[in-house]
Amino acid sequence: MVRHPTSVYFRWTSEQCRVLVPRVRSKLSRTIARHSKSSKKTRKSKTSIPRPLIEVEDLINSFDALGIAKGDKLIVHSGVSNIGKLKGGLQPLYAHLRERVGPEGTLLFPAFTFDSLMKTYLDGSPEFSSNDSATTMGALSQIALNDPERIRSIHPTHSVIGFGKDLDYFLGSHHNDPTPFGPSSPFSRLSEQHGKILTIGVGLNSTTSFHVAEDRLGDSFPIKVYLDKSYSLSCKDANNRSLTVTTRCHDPYLSRIRDGDLMKQALLEREYLKVFPLGNNAVSVLDSNALDALLVEMATQHQKTVYGRVWG
């Protein structure tokens, strides 16, 4: 039985070719170079992109320009090293984010536990602990995880760390949803509260809130994003109490063609996405509720998704 629309398989094949052709070309070039007198010159000519030195004040200026303010409800996806080398390290940046949002706001960091395909991770029957499970979401999320004041949602793959106001609302029911981005998840709750998504040095593909619209639409979404199998896994909360959490798993076939940039132009045109270029990359802010509404509109009215246009 064909699981997805024809367009998904067409896009997957195109993506495989896009990746494969440069690899073959590169391998051929290396083979030719090994038999060429100029091979040494070729190797020497390769240079890496220099990393500029970035001050914390540069990032603070970008937050000012993007309207990040006291009392905001904010989730942060980051890869600061993609911008450059941050003078003084990440701790001052983390402290500033805590102070900028303040106790009257809500500051969230993804603390996902897997760095491979979700299915590969779940097939290993991992055990999740709110206190002990590591995060693979980068150095800034790691600093948040080490903060004794943090609260962490209970989810075997897509847990979220939080500080500030209304944390029980944002994080307390995550484990009750059958999918990671369901109505009780921090991602869906952020959308309901018209929160913001802040990206530092990473693009739209790091914005996991794209999945909220998929979970909201369920069977009405034109592509079947979850596998049929559900996983029931052992988890422990902050008090080391055990519970079993059941979750669906994203289809690994789709992960190879998911592209948030397919929505970038529409997000910019509607001013839902604001970008501040900095160093080798950028800092951006995205309206989570507007993103959710746009994705629902695109999927239901235009048959357009982050997996490409749907046909066949």
Protein backbone atom coordinates (compact mmCIF):
# COMPACT_ATOMS: atom_id res chain seq x y z
CA MET A 1 0.00 0.00 0.00
CA VAL A 2 1.31 3.48 -0.91
CA ARG A 3 1.69 5.42 2.33
CA HIS A 4 2.23 8.95 1.01
CA PRO A 5 1.09 11.09 -1.94
CA THR A 6 3.16 10.72 -5.10
CA SER A 7 4.68 14.16 -4.53
CA VAL A 8 6.46 12.93 -1.38
CA TYR A 9 8.25 10.15 -3.26
CA PHE A 10 9.09 12.50 -6.13
CA ARG A 11 10.56 15.04 -3.70
CA TRP A 12 12.47 12.33 -1.83
CA THR A 13 14.03 11.10 -5.07
CA SER A 14 14.91 14.65 -6.10
CA GLU A 15 16.50 15.31 -2.71
CA GLN A 16 18.55 12.13 -2.91
CA CYS A 17 19.83 13.18 -6.34
CA ARG A 18 20.60 16.69 -5.07
CA VAL A 19 22.74 15.23 -2.30
CA LEU A 20 24.28 12.41 -4.32
CA VAL A 21 25.45 14.37 -7.39
CA PRO A 22 27.84 16.71 -5.48
CA ARG A 23 29.21 13.73 -3.57
CA VAL A 24 29.96 11.85 -6.77
CA ARG A 25 31.45 14.99 -8.33
CA SER A 26 33.64 15.55 -5.24
CA LYS A 27 34.81 11.96 -5.22
CA LEU A 28 35.71 12.14 -8.89
CA SER A 29 37.59 15.40 -8.33
CA ARG A 30 39.60 13.87 -5.48
CA THR A 31 40.42 10.83 -7.60
CA ILE A 32 41.59 13.02 -10.47
CA ALA A 33 43.56 15.25 -8.09
CA ARG A 34 45.46 12.28 -6.67
CA HIS A 35 46.77 11.60 -10.16
CA SER A 36 47.48 15.21 -10.95
CA LYS A 37 50.65 17.17 -10.27
CA SER A 38 48.49 20.01 -8.94
CA SER A 39 46.87 17.93 -6.19
CA LYS A 40 48.88 19.62 -3.44
CA LYS A 41 47.88 23.06 -4.67
CA THR A 42 44.24 21.98 -4.78
CA ARG A 43 44.33 20.85 -1.16
CA LYS A 44 46.06 24.03 -0.03
CA SER A 45 43.51 26.21 -1.75
CA LYS A 46 40.70 24.99 0.48
CA THR A 47 39.99 27.52 3.22
CA SER A 48 37.44 27.59 6.01
CA ILE A 49 35.11 30.51 6.61
CA PRO A 50 36.54 32.68 9.42
CA ARG A 51 34.43 33.00 12.55
CA PRO A 52 33.98 36.63 13.59
CA LEU A 53 34.19 37.62 17.24
CA ILE A 54 30.70 38.43 18.53
CA GLU A 55 30.02 40.48 21.65
CA VAL A 56 27.07 39.73 23.90
CA GLU A 57 26.03 43.34 23.25
CA ASP A 58 25.65 42.46 19.55
CA LEU A 59 23.10 39.82 20.46
CA ILE A 60 21.38 42.16 22.90
CA ASN A 61 21.05 44.72 20.10
CA SER A 62 19.47 42.07 17.87
CA PHE A 63 16.93 41.21 20.60
CA ASP A 64 16.09 44.91 20.92
CA ALA A 65 15.57 45.22 17.17
CA LEU A 66 13.40 42.09 17.08
CA GLY A 67 11.19 43.21 19.95
CA ILE A 68 12.07 40.59 22.57
CA ALA A 69 10.70 42.13 25.76
CA LYS A 70 9.96 41.64 29.44
CA GLY A 71 7.01 39.34 29.97
CA ASP A 72 7.35 37.56 26.61
CA LYS A 73 6.49 33.89 26.23
CA LEU A 74 9.52 32.67 24.33
CA ILE A 75 11.14 29.44 23.16
CA VAL A 76 14.81 29.59 22.11
CA HIS A 77 16.43 27.43 19.43
CA SER A 78 20.14 28.14 19.15
CA GLY A 79 23.43 27.38 17.48
CA VAL A 80 25.42 30.43 18.53
CA SER A 81 28.68 29.13 17.04
CA ASN A 82 27.09 29.43 13.59
CA ILE A 83 27.12 33.21 14.05
CA GLY A 84 30.69 33.38 15.27
CA LYS A 85 32.77 33.09 18.40
CA LEU A 86 30.94 34.64 21.34
CA LYS A 87 33.27 36.69 23.52
CA GLY A 88 32.93 35.65 27.16
CA GLY A 89 31.09 32.42 26.37
CA LEU A 90 27.41 31.54 26.57
CA GLN A 91 26.75 32.08 30.26
CA PRO A 92 26.30 35.89 29.97
CA LEU A 93 23.91 35.38 27.04
CA TYR A 94 21.89 32.85 29.02
CA ALA A 95 21.76 35.18 32.03
CA HIS A 96 20.59 38.01 29.80
CA LEU A 97 17.76 35.93 28.31
CA ARG A 98 16.59 34.99 31.82
CA GLU A 99 16.66 38.65 32.86
CA ARG A 100 15.13 40.00 29.65
CA VAL A 101 12.03 37.79 29.79
CA GLY A 102 11.87 38.04 33.59
CA PRO A 103 9.73 36.11 36.09
CA GLU A 104 6.58 37.65 34.64
CA GLY A 105 7.34 35.98 31.29
CA THR A 106 7.99 32.38 30.24
CA LEU A 107 11.34 31.25 28.83
CA LEU A 108 11.53 27.81 27.20
CA PHE A 109 14.39 25.76 25.78
CA PRO A 110 14.06 22.47 23.85
CA ALA A 111 15.75 19.61 25.70
CA PHE A 112 15.27 16.80 23.18
CA THR A 113 17.04 13.55 24.01
CA PHE A 114 17.91 12.22 20.55
CA ASP A 115 20.32 13.35 17.86
CA SER A 116 19.51 10.72 15.26
CA LEU A 117 16.20 9.69 13.74
CA MET A 118 13.37 9.61 16.27
CA LYS A 119 12.54 6.02 15.30
CA THR A 120 16.12 4.84 15.77
CA TYR A 121 16.13 6.34 19.26
CA LEU A 122 12.73 4.94 20.27
CA ASP A 123 13.56 1.47 18.95
CA GLY A 124 16.26 1.34 21.63
CA SER A 125 13.56 1.55 24.37
CA PRO A 126 15.22 4.47 26.20
CA GLU A 127 14.23 5.46 29.73
CA PHE A 128 13.62 9.15 30.37
CA SER A 129 14.40 10.98 33.60
CA SER A 130 13.47 14.61 34.13
CA ASN A 131 16.52 14.98 36.37
CA ASP A 132 19.13 12.90 34.56
CA SER A 133 18.41 12.60 30.84
CA ALA A 134 20.83 14.59 28.71
CA THR A 135 19.86 17.00 25.95
CA THR A 136 21.28 17.07 22.44
CA MET A 137 20.02 20.57 21.66
CA GLY A 138 23.26 22.48 22.01
CA ALA A 139 25.28 24.36 24.61
CA LEU A 140 22.68 27.01 25.51
CA SER A 141 20.03 24.36 26.24
CA GLN A 142 22.65 22.49 28.26
CA ILE A 143 23.22 25.55 30.45
CA ALA A 144 19.46 25.77 30.97
CA LEU A 145 19.34 22.07 31.85
CA ASN A 146 22.02 22.58 34.51
CA ASP A 147 20.14 25.48 36.09
CA PRO A 148 18.67 24.30 39.43
CA GLU A 149 15.66 26.58 38.95
CA ARG A 150 14.52 24.91 35.74
CA ILE A 151 11.38 22.84 35.29
CA ARG A 152 11.32 20.13 32.62
CA SER A 153 8.35 18.59 30.85
CA ILE A 154 8.09 14.82 30.87
CA HIS A 155 8.46 13.39 27.40
CA PRO A 156 10.82 10.63 26.21
CA THR A 157 11.94 12.49 23.07
CA HIS A 158 10.74 16.11 22.99
CA SER A 159 11.01 17.43 26.54
CA VAL A 160 11.18 21.19 27.13
CA ILE A 161 12.86 23.21 29.91
CA GLY A 162 11.11 26.24 31.33
CA PHE A 163 11.55 29.25 33.61
CA GLY A 164 9.15 31.91 34.79
CA LYS A 165 5.39 32.13 34.82
CA ASP A 166 2.68 29.49 34.21
CA LEU A 167 5.10 26.58 33.88
CA ASP A 168 2.51 24.03 34.93
CA TYR A 169 0.32 25.20 32.04
CA PHE A 170 3.16 25.04 29.53
CA LEU A 171 4.98 21.93 30.75
CA GLY A 172 2.82 20.02 33.21
CA SER A 173 0.68 17.99 30.79
CA HIS A 174 3.11 17.25 27.97
CA HIS A 175 3.21 13.55 28.82
CA ASN A 176 -0.57 13.19 28.44
CA ASP A 177 -0.58 13.75 24.68
CA PRO A 178 -0.26 10.78 22.31
CA THR A 179 2.01 12.86 20.05
CA PRO A 180 4.94 15.19 20.92
CA PHE A 181 3.25 18.34 19.57
CA GLY A 182 -0.35 17.75 20.67
CA PRO A 183 -2.72 20.22 22.38
CA SER A 184 -1.13 19.80 25.83
CA SER A 185 2.45 20.17 24.58
CA PRO A 186 4.58 23.27 25.30
CA PHE A 187 4.70 23.96 21.55
CA SER A 188 0.92 24.04 21.17
CA ARG A 189 0.46 26.02 24.38
CA LEU A 190 2.99 28.58 23.14
CA SER A 191 0.93 29.00 19.98
CA GLU A 192 -2.29 29.42 22.00
CA GLN A 193 -0.63 32.15 24.05
CA HIS A 194 0.74 33.96 20.97
CA GLY A 195 4.29 33.31 22.12
CA LYS A 196 7.48 33.89 20.17
CA ILE A 197 10.08 31.58 18.67
CA LEU A 198 13.62 32.96 18.87
CA THR A 199 16.32 31.40 16.71
CA ILE A 200 19.98 32.28 17.25
CA GLY A 201 22.30 31.10 14.48
CA VAL A 202 19.91 28.43 13.20
CA GLY A 203 17.33 28.45 10.43
CA LEU A 204 13.70 27.50 10.12
CA ASN A 205 14.51 23.80 10.01
CA SER A 206 15.36 24.00 13.70
CA THR A 207 11.89 25.35 14.45
CA THR A 208 10.10 22.22 15.64
CA SER A 209 6.86 24.17 16.17
CA PHE A 210 6.16 23.42 12.49
CA HIS A 211 4.73 20.13 13.77
CA VAL A 212 1.99 21.79 15.86
CA ALA A 213 -0.18 22.37 12.79
CA GLU A 214 0.27 18.75 11.74
CA ASP A 215 -0.92 17.49 15.12
CA ARG A 216 -3.75 20.02 15.17
CA LEU A 217 -5.04 18.86 11.79
CA GLY A 218 -4.55 15.15 12.52
CA ASP A 219 -6.02 13.02 9.75
CA SER A 220 -6.94 16.19 7.84
CA PHE A 221 -3.26 16.92 7.23
CA PRO A 222 -2.55 15.81 3.63
CA ILE A 223 0.52 13.75 4.59
CA LYS A 224 0.71 10.95 7.16
CA VAL A 225 3.55 12.25 9.33
CA TYR A 226 3.46 9.55 12.03
CA LEU A 227 4.13 5.85 11.85
CA ASP A 228 1.25 3.59 12.88
CA LYS A 229 3.13 2.16 15.86
CA SER A 230 3.00 3.83 19.27
CA TYR A 231 5.82 3.51 21.80
CA SER A 232 5.22 3.15 25.54
CA LEU A 233 8.28 4.14 27.53
CA SER A 234 9.31 4.36 31.15
CA CYS A 235 9.79 7.91 32.45
CA LYS A 236 10.58 9.56 35.78
CA ASP A 237 9.44 12.98 36.92
CA ALA A 238 11.43 15.49 38.98
CA ASN A 239 10.55 13.56 42.17
CA ASN A 240 11.75 10.29 40.61
CA ARG A 241 8.21 8.93 40.43
CA SER A 242 7.79 6.43 37.59
CA LEU A 243 5.17 6.69 34.89
CA THR A 244 4.65 5.31 31.42
CA VAL A 245 4.38 7.73 28.51
CA THR A 246 3.00 6.66 25.14
CA THR A 247 4.01 8.57 22.04
CA ARG A 248 3.77 8.31 18.27
CA CYS A 249 6.91 8.47 16.14
CA HIS A 250 7.57 10.69 13.13
CA ASP A 251 8.03 8.82 9.87
CA PRO A 252 11.81 8.85 9.21
CA TYR A 253 11.15 8.87 5.47
CA LEU A 254 9.75 12.40 5.78
CA SER A 255 12.65 13.76 7.81
CA ARG A 256 14.80 13.70 4.68
CA ILE A 257 12.53 16.08 2.77
CA ARG A 258 11.22 18.37 5.51
CA ASP A 259 12.20 21.95 4.67
CA GLY A 260 10.98 24.89 6.75
CA ASP A 261 12.41 27.30 4.19
CA LEU A 262 9.52 26.39 1.88
CA MET A 263 7.42 28.67 4.11
CA LYS A 264 10.02 31.40 4.54
CA GLN A 265 8.85 33.73 1.79
CA ALA A 266 5.23 33.65 2.97
CA LEU A 267 6.36 34.25 6.57
CA LEU A 268 8.45 37.25 5.52
CA GLU A 269 5.76 38.72 3.28
CA ARG A 270 3.21 38.58 6.08
CA GLU A 271 5.78 39.90 8.56
CA TYR A 272 5.39 36.87 10.84
CA LEU A 273 9.15 36.35 10.62
CA LYS A 274 11.72 39.05 11.39
CA VAL A 275 15.41 38.52 10.68
CA PHE A 276 18.44 40.36 12.05
CA PRO A 277 21.67 39.42 10.18
CA LEU A 278 24.61 38.92 12.53
CA GLY A 279 28.08 37.52 11.94
CA ASN A 280 27.98 34.44 9.73
CA ASN A 281 24.27 33.84 10.26
CA ALA A 282 21.29 35.63 11.81
CA VAL A 283 18.98 36.04 14.79
CA SER A 284 15.27 35.71 14.04
CA VAL A 285 11.94 35.90 15.80
CA LEU A 286 8.77 34.17 14.67
CA ASP A 287 5.18 34.59 15.84
CA SER A 288 4.23 31.04 16.89
CA ASN A 289 0.47 31.52 16.57
CA ALA A 290 0.79 33.13 13.14
CA LEU A 291 3.10 30.30 12.05
CA ASP A 292 0.52 27.74 13.16
CA ALA A 293 -2.31 29.53 11.34
CA LEU A 294 -0.25 29.91 8.16
CA LEU A 295 0.68 26.22 8.09
CA VAL A 296 -2.94 25.17 8.55
CA GLU A 297 -3.99 27.54 5.77
CA MET A 298 -1.28 26.34 3.41
CA ALA A 299 -2.03 22.66 4.04
CA THR A 300 -5.81 22.87 3.77
CA GLN A 301 -6.29 25.55 1.12
CA HIS A 302 -3.15 25.35 -1.02
CA GLN A 303 -1.92 21.76 -0.50
CA LYS A 304 1.49 23.15 0.43
CA THR A 305 3.52 21.80 3.37
CA VAL A 306 7.08 21.74 4.68
CA TYR A 307 7.33 18.42 2.80
CA GLY A 308 6.57 20.18 -0.49
CA ARG A 309 3.42 20.75 -2.50
CA VAL A 310 1.04 17.79 -2.28
CA TRP A 311 -0.19 16.08 -5.45
CA GLY A 312 -0.83 12.58 -6.74
